[in-house]
Amino acid sequence: MPLTERGVPVRRGQRVTSVGQDGNGVSVEWAADGDTTGRVHGSHLVACDGAHSTVRTLPGTPFPGRAGRMSAVAADLTLATRSAEVEATT
């Protein structure tokens, strides 16, 4: 079930500007394009904002792992013969 159907707002296109914690939970201040800003408070904050997480960096939480790696190969080739199973394109 999507988070929005569970009553959980999902904010996209906004950046976290401040993270704080008190005895009642966690607060996050955010900003969007223009002068739009806001503040939300909740019992938990999950840092699902990528490898260079602002949510993790602002309060100084270390990243215990290492940067991910990705390998890719691209090729532009012409086959000497065409398989009978492959449809010809023009």
N, C-alpha and C. Protein backbone atom coordinates (compact mmCIF):
# COMPACT_ATOMS: atom_id res chain seq x y z
N MET A 1 0.85 -1.18 0.00
CA MET A 1 0.00 0.00 0.00
C MET A 1 0.90 1.25 0.00
N PRO A 2 0.68 2.19 -0.91
CA PRO A 2 1.48 3.42 -0.95
C PRO A 2 1.35 4.21 0.36
N LEU A 3 2.41 4.93 0.69
CA LEU A 3 2.42 5.72 1.92
C LEU A 3 1.29 6.74 1.96
N THR A 4 1.00 7.36 0.82
CA THR A 4 -0.06 8.37 0.80
C THR A 4 -1.42 7.78 1.15
N GLU A 5 -1.65 6.52 0.81
CA GLU A 5 -2.91 5.86 1.17
C GLU A 5 -2.96 5.53 2.66
N ARG A 6 -1.82 5.55 3.31
CA ARG A 6 -1.76 5.32 4.76
C ARG A 6 -1.77 6.64 5.53
N GLY A 7 -1.95 7.75 4.81
CA GLY A 7 -1.99 9.05 5.46
C GLY A 7 -0.62 9.66 5.72
N VAL A 8 0.42 9.11 5.08
CA VAL A 8 1.77 9.62 5.27
C VAL A 8 2.12 10.52 4.08
N PRO A 9 2.39 11.80 4.34
CA PRO A 9 2.73 12.68 3.21
C PRO A 9 4.12 12.36 2.68
N VAL A 10 4.27 12.38 1.36
CA VAL A 10 5.56 12.20 0.71
C VAL A 10 5.89 13.52 0.05
N ARG A 11 7.01 14.10 0.43
CA ARG A 11 7.40 15.41 -0.08
C ARG A 11 8.52 15.24 -1.10
N ARG A 12 8.29 15.69 -2.32
CA ARG A 12 9.29 15.62 -3.37
C ARG A 12 9.59 17.03 -3.85
N GLY A 13 10.78 17.23 -4.39
CA GLY A 13 11.16 18.54 -4.90
C GLY A 13 11.41 19.55 -3.80
N GLN A 14 11.70 19.08 -2.61
CA GLN A 14 11.98 19.95 -1.47
C GLN A 14 13.30 19.52 -0.86
N ARG A 15 13.99 20.44 -0.23
CA ARG A 15 15.27 20.09 0.39
C ARG A 15 15.21 20.33 1.89
N VAL A 16 15.83 19.45 2.63
CA VAL A 16 15.89 19.56 4.08
C VAL A 16 16.92 20.62 4.44
N THR A 17 16.53 21.56 5.30
CA THR A 17 17.44 22.63 5.70
C THR A 17 17.87 22.52 7.16
N SER A 18 17.10 21.78 7.96
CA SER A 18 17.42 21.64 9.38
C SER A 18 16.76 20.39 9.94
N VAL A 19 17.47 19.71 10.84
CA VAL A 19 16.94 18.53 11.52
C VAL A 19 17.19 18.71 13.01
N GLY A 20 16.18 18.45 13.83
CA GLY A 20 16.35 18.57 15.27
C GLY A 20 15.59 17.48 16.00
N GLN A 21 15.97 17.25 17.24
CA GLN A 21 15.31 16.23 18.04
C GLN A 21 15.08 16.80 19.44
N ASP A 22 13.93 16.49 20.01
CA ASP A 22 13.64 16.86 21.39
C ASP A 22 12.95 15.69 22.07
N GLY A 23 12.46 15.90 23.26
CA GLY A 23 11.83 14.82 24.01
C GLY A 23 10.54 14.31 23.40
N ASN A 24 9.97 15.06 22.44
CA ASN A 24 8.71 14.66 21.81
C ASN A 24 8.89 14.08 20.42
N GLY A 25 10.11 14.04 19.89
CA GLY A 25 10.31 13.48 18.56
C GLY A 25 11.33 14.23 17.74
N VAL A 26 11.11 14.27 16.45
CA VAL A 26 12.05 14.83 15.48
C VAL A 26 11.36 15.92 14.68
N SER A 27 12.08 17.02 14.43
CA SER A 27 11.57 18.11 13.60
C SER A 27 12.46 18.27 12.37
N VAL A 28 11.83 18.59 11.26
CA VAL A 28 12.55 18.82 10.01
C VAL A 28 12.04 20.11 9.40
N GLU A 29 12.95 20.99 9.05
CA GLU A 29 12.59 22.20 8.30
C GLU A 29 12.99 21.96 6.86
N TRP A 30 12.17 22.43 5.93
CA TRP A 30 12.41 22.19 4.51
C TRP A 30 12.15 23.45 3.72
N ALA A 31 12.70 23.48 2.51
CA ALA A 31 12.49 24.60 1.60
C ALA A 31 12.26 24.04 0.20
N ALA A 32 11.46 24.76 -0.55
CA ALA A 32 11.19 24.41 -1.95
C ALA A 32 11.56 25.61 -2.81
N ASP A 33 11.39 25.48 -4.10
CA ASP A 33 11.68 26.60 -4.99
C ASP A 33 10.88 27.81 -4.58
N GLY A 34 11.46 28.98 -4.79
CA GLY A 34 10.78 30.20 -4.37
C GLY A 34 10.97 30.41 -2.88
N ASP A 35 9.97 30.97 -2.24
CA ASP A 35 10.05 31.28 -0.82
C ASP A 35 9.28 30.28 0.04
N THR A 36 8.89 29.14 -0.52
CA THR A 36 8.11 28.17 0.22
C THR A 36 8.99 27.42 1.21
N THR A 37 8.61 27.46 2.47
CA THR A 37 9.32 26.72 3.51
C THR A 37 8.29 26.05 4.42
N GLY A 38 8.75 25.14 5.22
CA GLY A 38 7.84 24.48 6.15
C GLY A 38 8.59 23.75 7.24
N ARG A 39 7.82 23.26 8.19
CA ARG A 39 8.39 22.50 9.30
C ARG A 39 7.43 21.38 9.62
N VAL A 40 7.96 20.19 9.81
CA VAL A 40 7.15 19.04 10.20
C VAL A 40 7.76 18.41 11.44
N HIS A 41 6.92 17.77 12.22
CA HIS A 41 7.38 17.11 13.45
C HIS A 41 6.79 15.72 13.48
N GLY A 42 7.58 14.75 13.91
CA GLY A 42 7.09 13.38 13.99
C GLY A 42 7.90 12.58 14.99
N SER A 43 7.50 11.34 15.15
CA SER A 43 8.21 10.47 16.10
C SER A 43 9.46 9.86 15.50
N HIS A 44 9.53 9.76 14.16
CA HIS A 44 10.68 9.15 13.49
C HIS A 44 11.04 9.94 12.24
N LEU A 45 12.29 9.86 11.85
CA LEU A 45 12.76 10.42 10.59
C LEU A 45 13.65 9.37 9.93
N VAL A 46 13.35 9.03 8.70
CA VAL A 46 14.12 8.01 7.98
C VAL A 46 14.91 8.71 6.88
N ALA A 47 16.21 8.49 6.85
CA ALA A 47 17.10 9.11 5.86
C ALA A 47 17.12 8.29 4.59
N CYS A 48 16.14 8.48 3.73
CA CYS A 48 16.06 7.77 2.45
C CYS A 48 16.36 8.73 1.31
N ASP A 49 17.30 9.62 1.52
CA ASP A 49 17.57 10.64 0.52
C ASP A 49 18.90 10.45 -0.20
N GLY A 50 19.35 9.22 -0.30
CA GLY A 50 20.49 8.91 -1.15
C GLY A 50 21.82 8.79 -0.44
N ALA A 51 22.84 8.52 -1.24
CA ALA A 51 24.18 8.24 -0.72
C ALA A 51 24.79 9.43 0.00
N HIS A 52 24.50 10.62 -0.44
CA HIS A 52 25.03 11.84 0.18
C HIS A 52 23.91 12.50 0.99
N SER A 53 23.33 11.75 1.88
CA SER A 53 22.13 12.11 2.63
C SER A 53 22.28 13.40 3.44
N THR A 54 21.45 14.38 3.13
CA THR A 54 21.38 15.60 3.93
C THR A 54 20.80 15.28 5.30
N VAL A 55 19.80 14.42 5.33
CA VAL A 55 19.15 14.05 6.60
C VAL A 55 20.16 13.41 7.55
N ARG A 56 21.09 12.64 7.03
CA ARG A 56 22.10 12.01 7.87
C ARG A 56 23.24 12.97 8.17
N THR A 57 23.62 13.83 7.23
CA THR A 57 24.76 14.72 7.38
C THR A 57 24.50 15.87 8.36
N LEU A 58 23.32 16.48 8.30
CA LEU A 58 23.03 17.63 9.16
C LEU A 58 23.24 17.35 10.65
N PRO A 59 22.74 16.25 11.19
CA PRO A 59 22.99 16.00 12.61
C PRO A 59 24.35 15.34 12.89
N GLY A 60 25.16 15.10 11.85
CA GLY A 60 26.48 14.52 12.04
C GLY A 60 26.50 13.01 12.18
N THR A 61 25.49 12.33 11.67
CA THR A 61 25.44 10.86 11.74
C THR A 61 26.40 10.27 10.71
N PRO A 62 27.35 9.44 11.12
CA PRO A 62 28.32 8.90 10.17
C PRO A 62 27.70 7.86 9.25
N PHE A 63 28.35 7.64 8.13
CA PHE A 63 27.96 6.60 7.20
C PHE A 63 28.96 5.46 7.37
N PRO A 64 28.55 4.33 7.93
CA PRO A 64 29.49 3.26 8.26
C PRO A 64 29.95 2.42 7.07
N GLY A 65 29.35 2.61 5.94
CA GLY A 65 29.69 1.79 4.78
C GLY A 65 30.67 2.48 3.86
N ARG A 66 30.62 2.12 2.60
CA ARG A 66 31.46 2.75 1.59
C ARG A 66 30.58 3.12 0.41
N ALA A 67 31.07 4.00 -0.42
CA ALA A 67 30.31 4.46 -1.58
C ALA A 67 30.01 3.28 -2.50
N GLY A 68 28.84 3.28 -3.09
CA GLY A 68 28.46 2.22 -4.02
C GLY A 68 29.22 2.34 -5.33
N ARG A 69 29.29 1.25 -6.03
CA ARG A 69 29.96 1.24 -7.33
C ARG A 69 29.01 0.67 -8.37
N MET A 70 29.15 1.17 -9.58
CA MET A 70 28.33 0.66 -10.67
C MET A 70 29.21 0.53 -11.90
N SER A 71 29.12 -0.58 -12.56
CA SER A 71 29.85 -0.79 -13.81
C SER A 71 28.85 -0.94 -14.94
N ALA A 72 29.20 -0.42 -16.10
CA ALA A 72 28.31 -0.52 -17.25
C ALA A 72 29.15 -0.67 -18.52
N VAL A 73 28.57 -1.32 -19.51
CA VAL A 73 29.22 -1.49 -20.80
C VAL A 73 28.22 -1.10 -21.87
N ALA A 74 28.67 -0.31 -22.83
CA ALA A 74 27.82 0.06 -23.96
C ALA A 74 28.54 -0.35 -25.24
N ALA A 75 27.78 -0.81 -26.21
CA ALA A 75 28.39 -1.24 -27.47
C ALA A 75 27.50 -0.86 -28.64
N ASP A 76 28.13 -0.46 -29.73
CA ASP A 76 27.43 -0.17 -30.98
C ASP A 76 28.08 -1.09 -32.00
N LEU A 77 27.38 -2.17 -32.39
CA LEU A 77 28.01 -3.14 -33.26
C LEU A 77 27.11 -3.56 -34.41
N THR A 78 27.75 -4.10 -35.42
CA THR A 78 27.05 -4.64 -36.58
C THR A 78 27.38 -6.12 -36.66
N LEU A 79 26.34 -6.95 -36.75
CA LEU A 79 26.55 -8.39 -36.81
C LEU A 79 26.89 -8.81 -38.24
N ALA A 80 27.81 -9.76 -38.37
CA ALA A 80 28.21 -10.26 -39.68
C ALA A 80 27.07 -11.02 -40.35
N THR A 81 26.29 -11.74 -39.57
CA THR A 81 25.13 -12.46 -40.09
C THR A 81 23.95 -12.22 -39.15
N ARG A 82 22.75 -12.35 -39.71
CA ARG A 82 21.55 -12.14 -38.92
C ARG A 82 20.94 -13.47 -38.57
N SER A 83 20.54 -13.62 -37.34
CA SER A 83 19.88 -14.83 -36.89
C SER A 83 18.48 -14.89 -37.49
N ALA A 84 18.00 -16.07 -37.78
CA ALA A 84 16.65 -16.23 -38.31
C ALA A 84 15.61 -15.86 -37.24
N GLU A 85 16.00 -15.83 -35.97
CA GLU A 85 15.08 -15.51 -34.87
C GLU A 85 14.93 -14.02 -34.64
N VAL A 86 15.80 -13.20 -35.24
CA VAL A 86 15.78 -11.76 -35.01
C VAL A 86 15.14 -11.08 -36.20
N GLU A 87 14.14 -10.26 -35.93
CA GLU A 87 13.43 -9.55 -36.98
C GLU A 87 14.31 -8.43 -37.51
N ALA A 88 14.36 -8.26 -38.85
CA ALA A 88 15.17 -7.22 -39.46
C ALA A 88 14.53 -5.86 -39.23
N THR A 89 15.37 -4.83 -39.02
CA THR A 89 14.91 -3.45 -38.90
C THR A 89 15.60 -2.62 -39.95
N THR A 90 14.96 -1.55 -40.35
CA THR A 90 15.59 -0.67 -41.36
C THR A 90 15.84 0.69 -40.79
